[in-house]
Amino acid sequence: MSLITPTPARVTPLALEPIDTTTSFRNQAYALLKKAIADADIYNQKEEIRLDERQLIQVLGVSRTPIREAMTLLEQEGFLRTVPRRGIFIIRKTKREIVEMIQMWAALEGMSARLATLNASDEEIAKLRHLFDEFVNAPPTDHIEEYSDANIDFHQALINLGGSQAIANTIKNLFIHVRAIRKVTIAQNDRAARSIVDHLKIITALEKRDTELAEKLARDHTLGLAAFVEEHCDFLE
């Protein structure tokens, strides 16, 4: 059922399920809404996405109070904003804000790659390579949706392989916007083909436990996204 609308006349469908009544309604509503926001194409349309409170109540199967409490938390975290007499909207960051987010991600991801060469097992690193098995014999552009998902999984897994909870906590609220931008840009200017080459080089450096190279490759790869957004993503203004 449709839950959020870019404009009052148009509804964007999100996949949500009724809330489990055995745990906190507010916490569950918060988790489900945050995931739905992460899955929404925030930057793949010109209109801001508006939440429809009545539809949220109907689909989640709870009263207005836990949903409003959840939305208040999300607003405090910078994911939603309330516009008087218009409603509640998912925040779209400006190009400058997105570039700065990606630059921060690059620094933290580079450090995670460094830590992964020291902390991750061979089996954990091998799982990164397996993310791209289906693209070995077919270019990513032939399966762009699947590659987009694998691309996002790679970057999230690289953060986790570092084993730093502090980095994971710092980066989690950047993830929604950085993920959305990666999805929008991966099919542009042959980025997918270049992306998989970069990823495989990073994995090779991790496998060789080349700490300095792994950090540099991971950082530079993500800084390349920041440069691309700066040059080509005028739709963010």
C-alpha atoms as a PDB file:
ATOM      1  CA  MET A   1       0.000   0.000   0.000  1.00  0.00           C
ATOM      2  CA  SER A   2       1.206   3.534  -0.764  1.00  0.00           C
ATOM      3  CA  LEU A   3       2.655   5.385   2.179  1.00  0.00           C
ATOM      4  CA  ILE A   4       4.422   8.532   1.057  1.00  0.00           C
ATOM      5  CA  THR A   5       3.680  11.007  -1.693  1.00  0.00           C
ATOM      6  CA  PRO A   6       6.025  13.263  -3.658  1.00  0.00           C
ATOM      7  CA  THR A   7       3.038  15.540  -4.240  1.00  0.00           C
ATOM      8  CA  PRO A   8      -0.511  15.347  -2.877  1.00  0.00           C
ATOM      9  CA  ALA A   9      -1.630  13.966  -6.241  1.00  0.00           C
ATOM     10  CA  ARG A  10       0.920  11.169  -6.525  1.00  0.00           C
ATOM     11  CA  VAL A  11       1.799   8.305  -4.194  1.00  0.00           C
ATOM     12  CA  THR A  12       5.081   6.388  -3.980  1.00  0.00           C
ATOM     13  CA  PRO A  13       4.663   2.766  -2.788  1.00  0.00           C
ATOM     14  CA  LEU A  14       6.799   1.485   0.079  1.00  0.00           C
ATOM     15  CA  ALA A  15       7.017  -2.056   1.438  1.00  0.00           C
ATOM     16  CA  LEU A  16       5.922  -2.079   5.075  1.00  0.00           C
ATOM     17  CA  GLU A  17       4.212  -4.645   7.287  1.00  0.00           C
ATOM     18  CA  PRO A  18       1.913  -4.276  10.310  1.00  0.00           C
ATOM     19  CA  ILE A  19       3.773  -3.705  13.567  1.00  0.00           C
ATOM     20  CA  ASP A  20       4.425  -6.571  15.987  1.00  0.00           C
ATOM     21  CA  THR A  21       2.354  -5.789  19.069  1.00  0.00           C
ATOM     22  CA  THR A  22       4.778  -7.549  21.441  1.00  0.00           C
ATOM     23  CA  THR A  23       7.368  -4.760  21.453  1.00  0.00           C
ATOM     24  CA  SER A  24       7.405  -0.969  21.601  1.00  0.00           C
ATOM     25  CA  PHE A  25       5.140   0.536  18.937  1.00  0.00           C
ATOM     26  CA  ARG A  26       7.235   3.690  18.744  1.00  0.00           C
ATOM     27  CA  ASN A  27      10.521   1.839  18.312  1.00  0.00           C
ATOM     28  CA  GLN A  28       9.085  -0.451  15.659  1.00  0.00           C
ATOM     29  CA  ALA A  29       7.467   2.428  13.800  1.00  0.00           C
ATOM     30  CA  TYR A  30      10.789   4.291  13.940  1.00  0.00           C
ATOM     31  CA  ALA A  31      12.747   1.318  12.572  1.00  0.00           C
ATOM     32  CA  LEU A  32      10.238   0.578   9.801  1.00  0.00           C
ATOM     33  CA  LEU A  33       9.934   4.206   8.726  1.00  0.00           C
ATOM     34  CA  LYS A  34      13.713   4.684   8.714  1.00  0.00           C
ATOM     35  CA  LYS A  35      14.151   1.603   6.542  1.00  0.00           C
ATOM     36  CA  ALA A  36      11.383   2.788   4.204  1.00  0.00           C
ATOM     37  CA  ILE A  37      13.084   6.183   3.897  1.00  0.00           C
ATOM     38  CA  ALA A  38      16.379   4.429   3.105  1.00  0.00           C
ATOM     39  CA  ASP A  39      14.661   2.400   0.379  1.00  0.00           C
ATOM     40  CA  ALA A  40      12.894   5.410  -1.147  1.00  0.00           C
ATOM     41  CA  ASP A  41      14.362   7.100  -4.223  1.00  0.00           C
ATOM     42  CA  ILE A  42      14.869  10.422  -2.482  1.00  0.00           C
ATOM     43  CA  TYR A  43      16.905  11.945  -5.314  1.00  0.00           C
ATOM     44  CA  ASN A  44      15.384  10.167  -8.295  1.00  0.00           C
ATOM     45  CA  GLN A  45      12.583  12.718  -8.632  1.00  0.00           C
ATOM     46  CA  LYS A  46      12.292  16.464  -8.451  1.00  0.00           C
ATOM     47  CA  GLU A  47       9.501  16.622  -5.896  1.00  0.00           C
ATOM     48  CA  GLU A  48      10.059  16.163  -2.193  1.00  0.00           C
ATOM     49  CA  ILE A  49       8.490  12.998  -0.790  1.00  0.00           C
ATOM     50  CA  ARG A  50       5.635  13.685   1.601  1.00  0.00           C
ATOM     51  CA  LEU A  51       4.548  11.312   4.329  1.00  0.00           C
ATOM     52  CA  ASP A  52       0.856  10.508   4.591  1.00  0.00           C
ATOM     53  CA  GLU A  53       0.098  10.028   8.280  1.00  0.00           C
ATOM     54  CA  ARG A  54      -3.309   8.454   7.725  1.00  0.00           C
ATOM     55  CA  GLN A  55      -1.890   5.837   5.396  1.00  0.00           C
ATOM     56  CA  LEU A  56       0.916   5.101   7.854  1.00  0.00           C
ATOM     57  CA  ILE A  57      -1.648   4.503  10.589  1.00  0.00           C
ATOM     58  CA  GLN A  58      -3.638   2.199   8.337  1.00  0.00           C
ATOM     59  CA  VAL A  59      -0.729   0.114   7.055  1.00  0.00           C
ATOM     60  CA  LEU A  60       1.268  -0.139  10.283  1.00  0.00           C
ATOM     61  CA  GLY A  61      -1.873  -0.903  12.259  1.00  0.00           C
ATOM     62  CA  VAL A  62      -1.157   1.351  15.233  1.00  0.00           C
ATOM     63  CA  SER A  63      -2.520   4.600  16.591  1.00  0.00           C
ATOM     64  CA  ARG A  64      -1.302   8.070  15.681  1.00  0.00           C
ATOM     65  CA  THR A  65       0.776   8.526  18.849  1.00  0.00           C
ATOM     66  CA  PRO A  66       3.638   6.036  18.205  1.00  0.00           C
ATOM     67  CA  ILE A  67       3.841   7.135  14.579  1.00  0.00           C
ATOM     68  CA  ARG A  68       4.132  10.789  15.554  1.00  0.00           C
ATOM     69  CA  GLU A  69       6.720   9.913  18.195  1.00  0.00           C
ATOM     70  CA  ALA A  70       8.711   7.969  15.594  1.00  0.00           C
ATOM     71  CA  MET A  71       8.518  10.849  13.120  1.00  0.00           C
ATOM     72  CA  THR A  72       9.671  13.268  15.827  1.00  0.00           C
ATOM     73  CA  LEU A  73      12.775  11.130  16.374  1.00  0.00           C
ATOM     74  CA  LEU A  74      13.427  11.025  12.628  1.00  0.00           C
ATOM     75  CA  GLU A  75      13.004  14.787  12.422  1.00  0.00           C
ATOM     76  CA  GLN A  76      15.525  15.253  15.246  1.00  0.00           C
ATOM     77  CA  GLU A  77      17.969  13.059  13.311  1.00  0.00           C
ATOM     78  CA  GLY A  78      17.574  15.204  10.210  1.00  0.00           C
ATOM     79  CA  PHE A  79      15.589  12.829   7.998  1.00  0.00           C
ATOM     80  CA  LEU A  80      12.211  14.586   8.111  1.00  0.00           C
ATOM     81  CA  ARG A  81      10.991  18.165   8.256  1.00  0.00           C
ATOM     82  CA  THR A  82       7.580  19.588   9.095  1.00  0.00           C
ATOM     83  CA  VAL A  83       6.142  22.313   6.878  1.00  0.00           C
ATOM     84  CA  PRO A  84       3.180  24.119   8.468  1.00  0.00           C
ATOM     85  CA  ARG A  85      -0.094  23.493   6.596  1.00  0.00           C
ATOM     86  CA  ARG A  86       1.697  21.273   4.071  1.00  0.00           C
ATOM     87  CA  GLY A  87       2.799  18.191   5.976  1.00  0.00           C
ATOM     88  CA  ILE A  88       5.910  16.190   6.790  1.00  0.00           C
ATOM     89  CA  PHE A  89       8.550  15.643   4.113  1.00  0.00           C
ATOM     90  CA  ILE A  90      11.665  13.512   3.715  1.00  0.00           C
ATOM     91  CA  ILE A  91      14.617  15.886   3.673  1.00  0.00           C
ATOM     92  CA  ARG A  92      16.594  16.216   0.449  1.00  0.00           C
ATOM     93  CA  LYS A  93      20.132  17.435   1.052  1.00  0.00           C
ATOM     94  CA  THR A  94      21.738  20.101  -1.110  1.00  0.00           C
ATOM     95  CA  LYS A  95      24.603  19.236  -3.438  1.00  0.00           C
ATOM     96  CA  ARG A  96      27.116  20.799  -1.055  1.00  0.00           C
ATOM     97  CA  GLU A  97      25.731  18.799   1.868  1.00  0.00           C
ATOM     98  CA  ILE A  98      25.838  15.575  -0.158  1.00  0.00           C
ATOM     99  CA  VAL A  99      29.424  16.195  -1.269  1.00  0.00           C
ATOM    100  CA  GLU A 100      30.498  16.810   2.331  1.00  0.00           C
ATOM    101  CA  MET A 101      28.699  13.648   3.472  1.00  0.00           C
ATOM    102  CA  ILE A 102      30.477  11.590   0.820  1.00  0.00           C
ATOM    103  CA  GLN A 103      33.828  13.121   1.759  1.00  0.00           C
ATOM    104  CA  MET A 104      33.273  12.135   5.386  1.00  0.00           C
ATOM    105  CA  TRP A 105      32.216   8.658   4.267  1.00  0.00           C
ATOM    106  CA  ALA A 106      35.416   8.395   2.196  1.00  0.00           C
ATOM    107  CA  ALA A 107      37.595   9.140   5.212  1.00  0.00           C
ATOM    108  CA  LEU A 108      35.781   6.659   7.425  1.00  0.00           C
ATOM    109  CA  GLU A 109      35.596   3.995   4.724  1.00  0.00           C
ATOM    110  CA  GLY A 110      39.313   4.345   4.064  1.00  0.00           C
ATOM    111  CA  MET A 111      40.029   3.800   7.748  1.00  0.00           C
ATOM    112  CA  SER A 112      37.659   0.813   7.762  1.00  0.00           C
ATOM    113  CA  ALA A 113      39.581  -0.720   4.864  1.00  0.00           C
ATOM    114  CA  ARG A 114      42.801  -0.173   6.773  1.00  0.00           C
ATOM    115  CA  LEU A 115      41.369  -1.841   9.873  1.00  0.00           C
ATOM    116  CA  ALA A 116      39.943  -4.682   7.783  1.00  0.00           C
ATOM    117  CA  THR A 117      43.449  -5.652   6.630  1.00  0.00           C
ATOM    118  CA  LEU A 118      44.326  -6.059  10.299  1.00  0.00           C
ATOM    119  CA  ASN A 119      41.114  -7.496  11.734  1.00  0.00           C
ATOM    120  CA  ALA A 120      39.026  -9.269   9.086  1.00  0.00           C
ATOM    121  CA  SER A 121      39.373 -12.983   8.408  1.00  0.00           C
ATOM    122  CA  ASP A 122      40.195 -14.399   4.979  1.00  0.00           C
ATOM    123  CA  GLU A 123      36.662 -15.800   4.814  1.00  0.00           C
ATOM    124  CA  GLU A 124      35.095 -12.404   5.504  1.00  0.00           C
ATOM    125  CA  ILE A 125      37.187 -10.731   2.812  1.00  0.00           C
ATOM    126  CA  ALA A 126      36.320 -13.518   0.347  1.00  0.00           C
ATOM    127  CA  LYS A 127      32.637 -12.706   0.813  1.00  0.00           C
ATOM    128  CA  LEU A 128      33.307  -9.256  -0.660  1.00  0.00           C
ATOM    129  CA  ARG A 129      34.599 -10.806  -3.865  1.00  0.00           C
ATOM    130  CA  HIS A 130      31.591 -13.112  -4.084  1.00  0.00           C
ATOM    131  CA  LEU A 131      29.316 -10.058  -4.172  1.00  0.00           C
ATOM    132  CA  PHE A 132      30.425  -9.575  -7.779  1.00  0.00           C
ATOM    133  CA  ASP A 133      30.430 -13.190  -9.006  1.00  0.00           C
ATOM    134  CA  GLU A 134      27.462 -12.680 -11.337  1.00  0.00           C
ATOM    135  CA  PHE A 135      29.161  -9.724 -13.047  1.00  0.00           C
ATOM    136  CA  VAL A 136      32.375 -11.552 -14.016  1.00  0.00           C
ATOM    137  CA  ASN A 137      31.007 -12.769 -17.345  1.00  0.00           C
ATOM    138  CA  ALA A 138      28.519  -9.955 -17.965  1.00  0.00           C
ATOM    139  CA  PRO A 139      29.128  -6.226 -17.609  1.00  0.00           C
ATOM    140  CA  PRO A 140      27.358  -4.455 -14.719  1.00  0.00           C
ATOM    141  CA  THR A 141      25.442  -2.316 -17.212  1.00  0.00           C
ATOM    142  CA  ASP A 142      23.553  -5.444 -18.325  1.00  0.00           C
ATOM    143  CA  HIS A 143      22.221  -5.875 -14.774  1.00  0.00           C
ATOM    144  CA  ILE A 144      22.321  -2.346 -13.434  1.00  0.00           C
ATOM    145  CA  GLU A 145      19.701  -2.802 -10.695  1.00  0.00           C
ATOM    146  CA  GLU A 146      21.419  -5.909  -9.357  1.00  0.00           C
ATOM    147  CA  TYR A 147      24.814  -4.234  -9.578  1.00  0.00           C
ATOM    148  CA  SER A 148      23.510  -1.163  -7.784  1.00  0.00           C
ATOM    149  CA  ASP A 149      22.448  -3.377  -4.879  1.00  0.00           C
ATOM    150  CA  ALA A 150      25.804  -5.216  -4.882  1.00  0.00           C
ATOM    151  CA  ASN A 151      27.616  -1.879  -4.947  1.00  0.00           C
ATOM    152  CA  ILE A 152      25.755  -0.648  -1.871  1.00  0.00           C
ATOM    153  CA  ASP A 153      26.266  -3.989  -0.102  1.00  0.00           C
ATOM    154  CA  PHE A 154      30.007  -3.751  -0.807  1.00  0.00           C
ATOM    155  CA  HIS A 155      30.398  -0.342   0.793  1.00  0.00           C
ATOM    156  CA  GLN A 156      28.334  -1.287   3.820  1.00  0.00           C
ATOM    157  CA  ALA A 157      30.253  -4.559   4.227  1.00  0.00           C
ATOM    158  CA  LEU A 158      33.590  -2.751   3.990  1.00  0.00           C
ATOM    159  CA  ILE A 159      32.594  -0.537   6.909  1.00  0.00           C
ATOM    160  CA  ASN A 160      31.589  -3.603   8.927  1.00  0.00           C
ATOM    161  CA  LEU A 161      34.832  -5.469   8.139  1.00  0.00           C
ATOM    162  CA  GLY A 162      36.816  -2.742   9.860  1.00  0.00           C
ATOM    163  CA  GLY A 163      35.264  -3.821  13.136  1.00  0.00           C
ATOM    164  CA  SER A 164      35.007  -0.285  14.543  1.00  0.00           C
ATOM    165  CA  GLN A 165      31.697   0.319  16.265  1.00  0.00           C
ATOM    166  CA  ALA A 166      32.537   4.025  16.554  1.00  0.00           C
ATOM    167  CA  ILE A 167      32.860   4.303  12.761  1.00  0.00           C
ATOM    168  CA  ALA A 168      29.697   2.256  12.229  1.00  0.00           C
ATOM    169  CA  ASN A 169      27.749   4.516  14.604  1.00  0.00           C
ATOM    170  CA  THR A 170      29.107   7.681  12.999  1.00  0.00           C
ATOM    171  CA  ILE A 171      28.319   6.574   9.477  1.00  0.00           C
ATOM    172  CA  LYS A 172      24.863   5.047   9.912  1.00  0.00           C
ATOM    173  CA  ASN A 173      22.940   8.306   9.518  1.00  0.00           C
ATOM    174  CA  LEU A 174      24.989   9.247   6.453  1.00  0.00           C
ATOM    175  CA  PHE A 175      24.033   5.948   4.864  1.00  0.00           C
ATOM    176  CA  ILE A 176      20.500   6.883   3.806  1.00  0.00           C
ATOM    177  CA  HIS A 177      21.588   9.860   1.698  1.00  0.00           C
ATOM    178  CA  VAL A 178      24.862   8.384   0.405  1.00  0.00           C
ATOM    179  CA  ARG A 179      23.035   5.178  -0.567  1.00  0.00           C
ATOM    180  CA  ALA A 180      20.359   7.162  -2.412  1.00  0.00           C
ATOM    181  CA  ILE A 181      22.986   9.108  -4.372  1.00  0.00           C
ATOM    182  CA  ARG A 182      24.894   5.943  -5.252  1.00  0.00           C
ATOM    183  CA  LYS A 183      21.694   4.437  -6.664  1.00  0.00           C
ATOM    184  CA  VAL A 184      20.973   7.503  -8.786  1.00  0.00           C
ATOM    185  CA  THR A 185      24.496   7.917 -10.174  1.00  0.00           C
ATOM    186  CA  ILE A 186      25.665   4.319 -10.704  1.00  0.00           C
ATOM    187  CA  ALA A 187      24.145   4.111 -14.204  1.00  0.00           C
ATOM    188  CA  GLN A 188      25.600   7.445 -15.341  1.00  0.00           C
ATOM    189  CA  ASN A 189      28.788   8.076 -17.365  1.00  0.00           C
ATOM    190  CA  ASP A 190      29.900   4.439 -17.304  1.00  0.00           C
ATOM    191  CA  ARG A 191      30.317   4.614 -13.539  1.00  0.00           C
ATOM    192  CA  ALA A 192      29.245   0.992 -13.016  1.00  0.00           C
ATOM    193  CA  ALA A 193      32.058  -0.389 -15.179  1.00  0.00           C
ATOM    194  CA  ARG A 194      34.656   1.754 -13.443  1.00  0.00           C
ATOM    195  CA  SER A 195      33.152   0.976 -10.056  1.00  0.00           C
ATOM    196  CA  ILE A 196      33.589  -2.792 -10.309  1.00  0.00           C
ATOM    197  CA  VAL A 197      37.237  -2.373 -11.356  1.00  0.00           C
ATOM    198  CA  ASP A 198      37.856  -0.189  -8.283  1.00  0.00           C
ATOM    199  CA  HIS A 199      36.070  -2.645  -6.016  1.00  0.00           C
ATOM    200  CA  LEU A 200      38.131  -5.601  -7.200  1.00  0.00           C
ATOM    201  CA  LYS A 201      41.358  -3.630  -6.676  1.00  0.00           C
ATOM    202  CA  ILE A 202      40.260  -2.826  -3.112  1.00  0.00           C
ATOM    203  CA  ILE A 203      39.450  -6.491  -2.464  1.00  0.00           C
ATOM    204  CA  THR A 204      42.840  -7.566  -3.809  1.00  0.00           C
ATOM    205  CA  ALA A 205      44.593  -5.104  -1.481  1.00  0.00           C
ATOM    206  CA  LEU A 206      42.566  -6.463   1.435  1.00  0.00           C
ATOM    207  CA  GLU A 207      43.466 -10.037   0.510  1.00  0.00           C
ATOM    208  CA  LYS A 208      47.155  -9.118   0.404  1.00  0.00           C
ATOM    209  CA  ARG A 209      46.812  -7.308   3.761  1.00  0.00           C
ATOM    210  CA  ASP A 210      48.272  -4.215   2.106  1.00  0.00           C
ATOM    211  CA  THR A 211      47.144  -1.726   4.720  1.00  0.00           C
ATOM    212  CA  GLU A 212      48.276   1.497   3.075  1.00  0.00           C
ATOM    213  CA  LEU A 213      47.012   0.586  -0.388  1.00  0.00           C
ATOM    214  CA  ALA A 214      43.640  -0.686   0.830  1.00  0.00           C
ATOM    215  CA  GLU A 215      43.033   2.552   2.719  1.00  0.00           C
ATOM    216  CA  LYS A 216      44.056   4.721  -0.231  1.00  0.00           C
ATOM    217  CA  LEU A 217      42.016   2.796  -2.803  1.00  0.00           C
ATOM    218  CA  ALA A 218      38.872   2.795  -0.669  1.00  0.00           C
ATOM    219  CA  ARG A 219      39.190   6.499   0.145  1.00  0.00           C
ATOM    220  CA  ASP A 220      39.970   7.567  -3.417  1.00  0.00           C
ATOM    221  CA  HIS A 221      37.142   5.465  -4.846  1.00  0.00           C
ATOM    222  CA  THR A 222      34.540   7.232  -2.721  1.00  0.00           C
ATOM    223  CA  LEU A 223      36.128  10.634  -3.253  1.00  0.00           C
ATOM    224  CA  GLY A 224      35.568   9.947  -6.952  1.00  0.00           C
ATOM    225  CA  LEU A 225      31.840   9.826  -6.234  1.00  0.00           C
ATOM    226  CA  ALA A 226      32.079  13.168  -4.422  1.00  0.00           C
ATOM    227  CA  ALA A 227      33.816  14.702  -7.450  1.00  0.00           C
ATOM    228  CA  PHE A 228      31.191  13.250  -9.788  1.00  0.00           C
ATOM    229  CA  VAL A 229      28.350  14.686  -7.713  1.00  0.00           C
ATOM    230  CA  GLU A 230      30.075  18.075  -7.621  1.00  0.00           C
ATOM    231  CA  GLU A 231      30.447  18.156 -11.400  1.00  0.00           C
ATOM    232  CA  HIS A 232      27.299  16.456 -12.687  1.00  0.00           C
ATOM    233  CA  CYS A 233      24.498  16.462 -10.080  1.00  0.00           C
ATOM    234  CA  ASP A 234      23.011  19.906 -10.572  1.00  0.00           C
ATOM    235  CA  PHE A 235      19.553  18.429  -9.921  1.00  0.00           C
ATOM    236  CA  LEU A 236      20.462  18.542  -6.207  1.00  0.00           C
ATOM    237  CA  GLU A 237      20.364  22.341  -6.167  1.00  0.00           C
END
